[in-house]
Protein backbone atom coordinates (compact mmCIF):
# COMPACT_ATOMS: atom_id res chain seq x y z
CA MET A 1 4.83 30.21 -7.23
CA GLY A 2 6.01 26.82 -5.08
CA ALA A 3 3.28 23.93 -4.49
CA VAL A 4 -0.32 24.94 -5.81
CA GLN A 5 -2.58 25.47 -2.83
CA LEU A 6 -6.34 26.16 -3.99
CA GLU A 7 -9.62 25.96 -2.81
CA SER A 8 -10.89 23.65 -5.10
CA VAL A 9 -10.35 21.41 -7.44
CA ALA A 10 -11.86 19.40 -10.29
CA ALA A 11 -12.14 15.46 -10.98
CA GLN A 12 -9.54 13.61 -9.53
CA HIS A 13 -7.00 11.56 -11.94
CA ALA A 14 -8.17 8.31 -11.93
CA GLN A 15 -6.11 6.12 -8.80
CA ALA A 16 -5.31 2.56 -8.16
CA LYS A 17 -6.09 1.17 -4.66
CA LEU A 18 -3.26 -1.72 -3.98
CA ASN A 19 -4.49 -3.42 -0.70
CA VAL A 20 -1.02 -4.64 0.32
CA GLU A 21 -0.68 -8.25 2.57
CA SER A 22 3.23 -8.22 4.15
CA LEU A 23 3.58 -11.87 2.84
CA PRO A 24 4.29 -14.04 0.14
CA GLN A 25 2.47 -17.57 -1.27
CA GLY A 26 4.05 -21.08 -1.59
CA PRO A 27 2.84 -24.48 -1.73
CA SER A 28 1.04 -26.06 1.05
CA LEU A 29 2.82 -28.71 3.07
CA PHE A 30 -0.12 -31.61 2.59
CA ASP A 31 0.32 -35.18 3.13
CA GLY A 32 -1.57 -38.00 2.17
CA ASN A 33 -3.74 -37.62 5.25
CA ASP A 34 -4.27 -34.07 5.02
CA THR A 35 -5.42 -34.23 1.36
CA ALA A 36 -8.05 -36.51 2.22
CA ARG A 37 -9.62 -34.23 5.33
CA ILE A 38 -9.51 -31.46 2.55
CA ASN A 39 -11.38 -33.52 0.20
CA GLY A 40 -14.19 -34.76 3.13
CA SER A 41 -12.77 -38.60 2.48
CA GLU A 42 -13.28 -39.39 6.13
CA SER A 43 -16.20 -36.93 7.69
CA ASP A 44 -14.72 -37.10 10.73
CA GLU A 45 -11.75 -35.97 9.67
CA TYR A 46 -13.00 -33.36 7.66
CA GLU A 47 -14.76 -31.63 10.53
CA LYS A 48 -11.93 -31.90 12.55
CA PHE A 49 -9.86 -29.85 9.66
CA ASP A 50 -12.82 -27.18 9.40
CA LYS A 51 -13.28 -26.69 13.96
CA GLY A 52 -12.81 -23.60 14.85
CA LEU A 53 -13.08 -21.62 11.21
CA MET A 54 -13.18 -17.35 11.73
CA GLN A 55 -13.43 -18.29 15.30
CA TYR A 56 -9.81 -16.85 15.98
CA GLY A 57 -7.07 -14.71 15.37
CA CYS A 58 -6.45 -11.08 15.69
CA ALA A 59 -6.96 -7.44 14.31
CA HIS A 60 -4.93 -8.84 11.54
CA TYR A 61 -5.68 -12.18 10.83
CA ARG A 62 -8.38 -15.18 11.25
CA ARG A 63 -6.25 -17.78 11.68
CA ARG A 64 -6.28 -21.24 13.89
CA CYS A 65 -2.51 -20.47 15.23
CA ARG A 66 -0.19 -18.34 17.07
CA ILE A 67 2.97 -17.57 16.37
CA ARG A 68 6.44 -18.01 18.76
CA ALA A 69 9.11 -14.91 17.62
CA PRO A 70 12.76 -16.08 16.99
CA CYS A 71 13.73 -13.32 17.91
CA CYS A 72 12.63 -13.15 21.46
CA ASN A 73 11.10 -16.13 21.64
CA GLU A 74 7.65 -15.12 22.44
CA ILE A 75 4.39 -16.13 21.40
CA PHE A 76 2.14 -13.45 19.32
CA ASP A 77 -1.03 -13.82 16.85
CA CYS A 78 0.99 -12.92 13.99
CA ARG A 79 3.92 -11.03 12.88
CA HIS A 80 2.07 -7.51 12.47
CA CYS A 81 1.35 -8.04 16.49
CA HIS A 82 4.57 -8.41 17.27
CA ASN A 83 5.87 -5.69 15.52
CA GLU A 84 3.32 -3.21 16.56
CA SER A 85 4.29 -4.58 20.22
CA LYS A 86 8.46 -4.56 19.99
CA ASN A 87 9.07 -1.70 17.86
CA SER A 88 6.59 1.25 19.05
CA ILE A 89 7.61 4.25 21.15
CA LYS A 90 7.29 2.76 23.89
CA ILE A 91 9.88 0.67 24.00
CA ASP A 92 13.79 1.15 24.52
CA THR A 93 14.92 2.18 21.35
CA PRO A 94 18.12 -0.53 21.45
CA THR A 95 15.80 -3.00 21.87
CA ARG A 96 13.35 -2.48 19.28
CA HIS A 97 13.23 -5.02 16.30
CA GLU A 98 10.66 -6.58 13.92
CA LEU A 99 10.38 -9.73 12.60
CA PRO A 100 10.57 -10.70 9.24
CA ARG A 101 8.40 -12.36 7.87
CA HIS A 102 10.37 -15.72 6.32
CA GLU A 103 12.47 -16.25 9.82
CA LEU A 104 8.89 -17.58 11.26
CA GLN A 105 9.88 -21.09 12.47
CA GLN A 106 7.49 -22.39 14.70
CA VAL A 107 3.97 -22.09 15.50
CA ILE A 108 1.26 -23.02 18.23
CA CYS A 109 -1.97 -24.79 17.66
CA THR A 110 -4.78 -22.36 18.61
CA LEU A 111 -7.26 -25.66 19.95
CA CYS A 112 -4.93 -27.94 20.97
CA GLY A 113 -1.89 -25.98 21.81
CA THR A 114 0.69 -28.20 20.10
CA GLU A 115 3.84 -26.24 19.34
CA GLN A 116 5.28 -27.17 15.83
CA GLU A 117 7.11 -26.50 12.92
CA VAL A 118 5.09 -24.23 10.14
CA ARG A 119 2.99 -26.45 8.85
CA GLN A 120 -1.08 -25.82 7.47
CA VAL A 121 -2.34 -28.67 9.21
CA CYS A 122 -1.38 -29.14 13.39
CA ILE A 123 0.52 -32.58 13.50
CA ASN A 124 -1.61 -33.21 16.69
CA CYS A 125 -5.33 -32.72 16.26
CA GLY A 126 -5.66 -32.11 12.74
CA VAL A 127 -7.18 -28.99 12.18
CA CYS A 128 -6.37 -26.55 9.44
CA MET A 129 -4.02 -23.62 10.94
CA GLY A 130 -5.06 -21.40 8.59
CA LYS A 131 -7.47 -21.97 4.89
CA TYR A 132 -4.95 -19.89 2.84
CA PHE A 133 -1.47 -20.70 3.74
CA CYS A 134 1.46 -19.50 1.96
CA GLU A 135 4.45 -21.61 3.03
CA VAL A 136 7.38 -19.36 1.78
CA CYS A 137 6.51 -16.27 3.83
CA LYS A 138 4.76 -18.56 6.71
CA LEU A 139 1.19 -16.61 6.37
CA PHE A 140 -1.94 -18.25 7.77
CA ASP A 141 -5.56 -16.65 7.32
CA ASP A 142 -8.73 -18.00 7.15
CA ASP A 143 -10.70 -15.37 5.52
CA VAL A 144 -9.95 -15.92 2.15
CA SER A 145 -12.62 -13.38 1.21
CA LYS A 146 -10.00 -11.39 1.00
CA GLN A 147 -8.60 -13.19 -2.34
CA GLN A 148 -4.86 -13.26 -1.61
CA TYR A 149 -2.58 -14.94 -4.13
CA HIS A 150 1.50 -14.60 -3.95
CA CYS A 151 3.22 -12.43 -6.62
CA HIS A 152 6.05 -14.20 -7.03
CA ALA A 153 7.84 -11.39 -9.15
CA CYS A 154 7.20 -9.00 -5.83
CA GLY A 155 8.10 -11.75 -3.01
CA ILE A 156 5.05 -11.42 -1.07
CA CYS A 157 1.17 -12.63 -0.71
CA ARG A 158 -1.25 -9.60 -2.33
CA ILE A 159 -5.16 -9.27 -1.46
CA GLY A 160 -7.71 -8.45 -4.29
CA GLY A 161 -7.65 -11.81 -6.79
CA ARG A 162 -4.86 -12.31 -9.39
CA GLU A 163 -6.65 -12.03 -12.10
CA ASN A 164 -7.05 -7.78 -11.18
CA PHE A 165 -3.29 -6.84 -10.74
CA PHE A 166 -0.58 -6.90 -12.90
CA HIS A 167 3.02 -6.72 -11.89
CA CYS A 168 4.68 -3.95 -13.91
CA SER A 169 8.75 -4.82 -13.25
CA LYS A 170 9.62 -1.22 -13.70
CA CYS A 171 7.46 0.09 -10.99
CA GLY A 172 8.69 -2.73 -8.98
CA CYS A 173 4.94 -3.77 -7.61
CA CYS A 174 1.11 -5.31 -8.83
CA TYR A 175 -1.20 -2.60 -10.01
CA SER A 176 -4.42 -3.07 -10.83
CA LYS A 177 -5.04 -3.40 -14.46
CA VAL A 178 -6.97 -0.16 -14.83
CA LEU A 179 -3.32 0.84 -15.08
CA LYS A 180 -1.98 -0.81 -17.24
CA ASN A 181 -1.55 1.41 -20.33
CA SER A 182 -2.32 4.52 -18.29
CA HIS A 183 0.58 4.89 -15.61
CA ALA A 184 3.81 6.77 -15.60
CA CYS A 185 6.48 4.21 -14.53
CA VAL A 186 8.99 5.36 -12.25
CA GLU A 187 11.51 3.03 -11.22
CA GLY A 188 11.31 1.28 -7.76
CA ALA A 189 8.22 3.37 -7.62
CA MET A 190 6.78 1.73 -4.16
CA HIS A 191 10.02 0.67 -2.79
CA HIS A 192 10.22 4.24 -1.02
CA ASP A 193 8.52 5.44 1.97
CA CYS A 194 5.08 7.38 1.69
CA PRO A 195 5.95 11.01 1.94
CA ILE A 196 3.59 11.94 4.19
CA CYS A 197 3.58 9.26 7.06
CA PHE A 198 6.83 7.98 5.70
CA GLU A 199 5.42 3.87 6.03
CA TYR A 200 7.42 2.18 3.49
CA LEU A 201 4.61 1.51 1.10
CA PHE A 202 5.94 -1.82 -0.33
CA GLU A 203 4.68 -3.27 2.62
CA SER A 204 2.01 -1.41 3.85
CA ARG A 205 -1.41 -2.92 4.45
CA ASN A 206 -3.04 0.04 3.58
CA ASP A 207 -4.09 1.49 0.60
CA VAL A 208 -1.69 3.31 -1.90
CA SER A 209 -2.79 5.51 -4.69
CA VAL A 210 -0.59 6.27 -7.97
CA LEU A 211 -0.78 9.71 -8.77
CA PRO A 212 -0.47 10.89 -12.30
CA CYS A 213 3.13 11.41 -11.89
CA GLY A 214 3.80 7.83 -11.22
CA HIS A 215 4.55 8.65 -7.47
CA THR A 216 2.63 6.82 -4.76
CA ILE A 217 1.55 7.61 -1.53
CA HIS A 218 -1.01 6.68 1.00
CA GLU A 219 -4.57 6.63 -0.04
CA LYS A 220 -5.12 7.98 3.40
CA CYS A 221 -2.71 10.62 3.75
CA LEU A 222 -3.66 11.87 -0.17
CA ARG A 223 -7.46 12.91 0.91
CA GLU A 224 -5.81 14.66 4.14
CA MET A 225 -3.75 16.16 1.85
CA LYS A 226 -6.64 18.05 -0.46
CA GLU A 227 -8.43 18.57 2.77
CA HIS A 228 -5.74 20.66 3.74
CA CYS A 229 -6.06 22.24 0.07
CA GLN A 230 -2.91 20.78 -1.37
CA PHE A 231 -2.67 19.39 -4.71
CA ALA A 232 0.89 18.79 -5.79
CA CYS A 233 3.09 15.86 -5.80
CA PRO A 234 4.94 16.46 -2.97
CA LEU A 235 8.00 14.25 -4.48
CA CYS A 236 7.58 15.89 -7.86
CA SER A 237 5.47 19.24 -7.80
CA LYS A 238 3.14 18.13 -10.41
CA SER A 239 -0.04 18.49 -10.04
CA VAL A 240 -1.85 15.48 -8.86
CA CYS A 241 -5.42 15.57 -10.18
CA ASP A 242 -7.32 17.63 -13.11
CA MET A 243 -6.71 20.98 -12.33
CA SER A 244 -7.92 22.94 -15.39
CA LYS A 245 -11.61 24.07 -13.54
CA ALA A 246 -9.55 25.38 -11.04
CA TRP A 247 -7.32 27.48 -13.30
CA GLU A 248 -10.22 28.89 -14.92
CA ARG A 249 -11.26 30.33 -12.30
CA LEU A 250 -8.01 32.06 -10.98
CA ASP A 251 -8.27 32.91 -14.52
CA ALA A 252 -11.25 35.04 -13.87
CA GLU A 253 -10.49 36.23 -10.62
CA LEU A 254 -7.04 37.59 -11.57
CA ALA A 255 -8.67 39.05 -14.73
CA THR A 256 -10.63 41.30 -11.67
CA LEU A 257 -7.45 42.66 -10.11
CA SER A 258 -5.16 45.83 -10.60
CA ASN A 259 -1.56 44.83 -11.14
CA SER A 260 1.22 47.55 -10.16
CA PHE A 261 4.06 45.55 -12.33
CA ASP A 262 3.10 45.21 -15.70
CA ASP A 263 6.04 46.20 -16.88
CA LYS A 264 8.13 43.71 -14.84
CA MET A 265 8.88 40.48 -16.37
CA VAL A 266 10.31 37.18 -14.90
CA ARG A 267 11.13 33.76 -16.00
CA ILE A 268 9.24 30.35 -14.47
CA LEU A 269 9.32 26.90 -14.77
CA CYS A 270 6.23 24.95 -14.72
CA ASN A 271 6.01 22.29 -12.63
CA ASP A 272 3.40 20.42 -14.60
CA CYS A 273 4.28 20.29 -18.17
CA GLY A 274 8.69 21.39 -17.36
CA ALA A 275 8.09 24.44 -19.78
CA VAL A 276 10.07 27.82 -19.40
CA SER A 277 7.83 30.82 -19.92
CA GLU A 278 8.52 34.32 -19.42
CA VAL A 279 5.69 36.22 -18.35
CA GLN A 280 4.23 39.06 -16.70
CA PHE A 281 5.13 39.29 -12.84
CA HIS A 282 2.28 39.01 -10.46
CA LEU A 283 1.62 39.21 -6.50
CA ILE A 284 -0.92 35.90 -7.27
CA ALA A 285 0.14 33.31 -9.43
CA HIS A 286 2.09 32.99 -13.28
CA LYS A 287 0.53 30.83 -15.81
CA CYS A 288 2.61 28.61 -18.07
CA HIS A 289 2.38 29.95 -21.63
CA ASN A 290 2.58 25.98 -22.38
CA CYS A 291 -0.07 23.92 -20.72
CA LYS A 292 -1.91 27.01 -18.78
CA SER A 293 -1.28 25.56 -15.49
CA TYR A 294 -0.39 28.13 -12.20
CA ASN A 295 1.22 25.05 -11.05
CA THR A 296 4.27 26.85 -11.74
CA ARG A 297 7.45 28.79 -9.54
CA GLN A 298 10.34 31.73 -10.42
CA ILE A 299 13.36 31.16 -11.64
């Protein structure tokens, strides 16, 4: 029996949401005057510094600057806006491209239109172009409620608060602390595409779930899998949640069915525990002798 397909499932295994931003944070480019504006020692300068806060931006960020993409010399609200425009199916394949975060060199102040090198405070009007600023990956964002932080090990900025996450060096990513002593480590678990939609998970801005087997998948994709009665990991076929109640119901159903192959035995491999068993052949399903799972395959 291959990937398990059942109509219902018991309680789901605890999974961590990985709220991922695609960019890292470094030291701010403040000079003495910038610090004075931030501390509010000059009230008029402080008002100028905070002018337009949360009033500008795009679908991805609230910010007071736009960017000039060095690859095509065009202006966009942010790197994601560029990538959505220049790497879509509407663009001829030879000209499709993305803007690597670290290659950004020029920004344009939204309030005064001054183009300048990447920095947090506009050199012309003195406005702060992003309350949260990362010099390393050129990230500006006025919405600090996201609790952005820079993970040096990941090399990118993430959201959700540094105190709520830890970096797993083997998996190569920041995970919620609820998984610190319970997740199954898989080498480079986040450094591959989602097995359903094929988006690169490490830089995805969508929530990611860590399965009991240690593999990762978009939370939305996992939810859609379950809606279509698919409860096995697309990569290793292990159950993605606790299936014990489902197995009990299957036990009860099989007990009511007659089996015309009483004398036929087959060898099976359990996808959940890896045990090999010799069991009586059945047209519907084969049960693992070791862990009692029906998530098995004939070998």
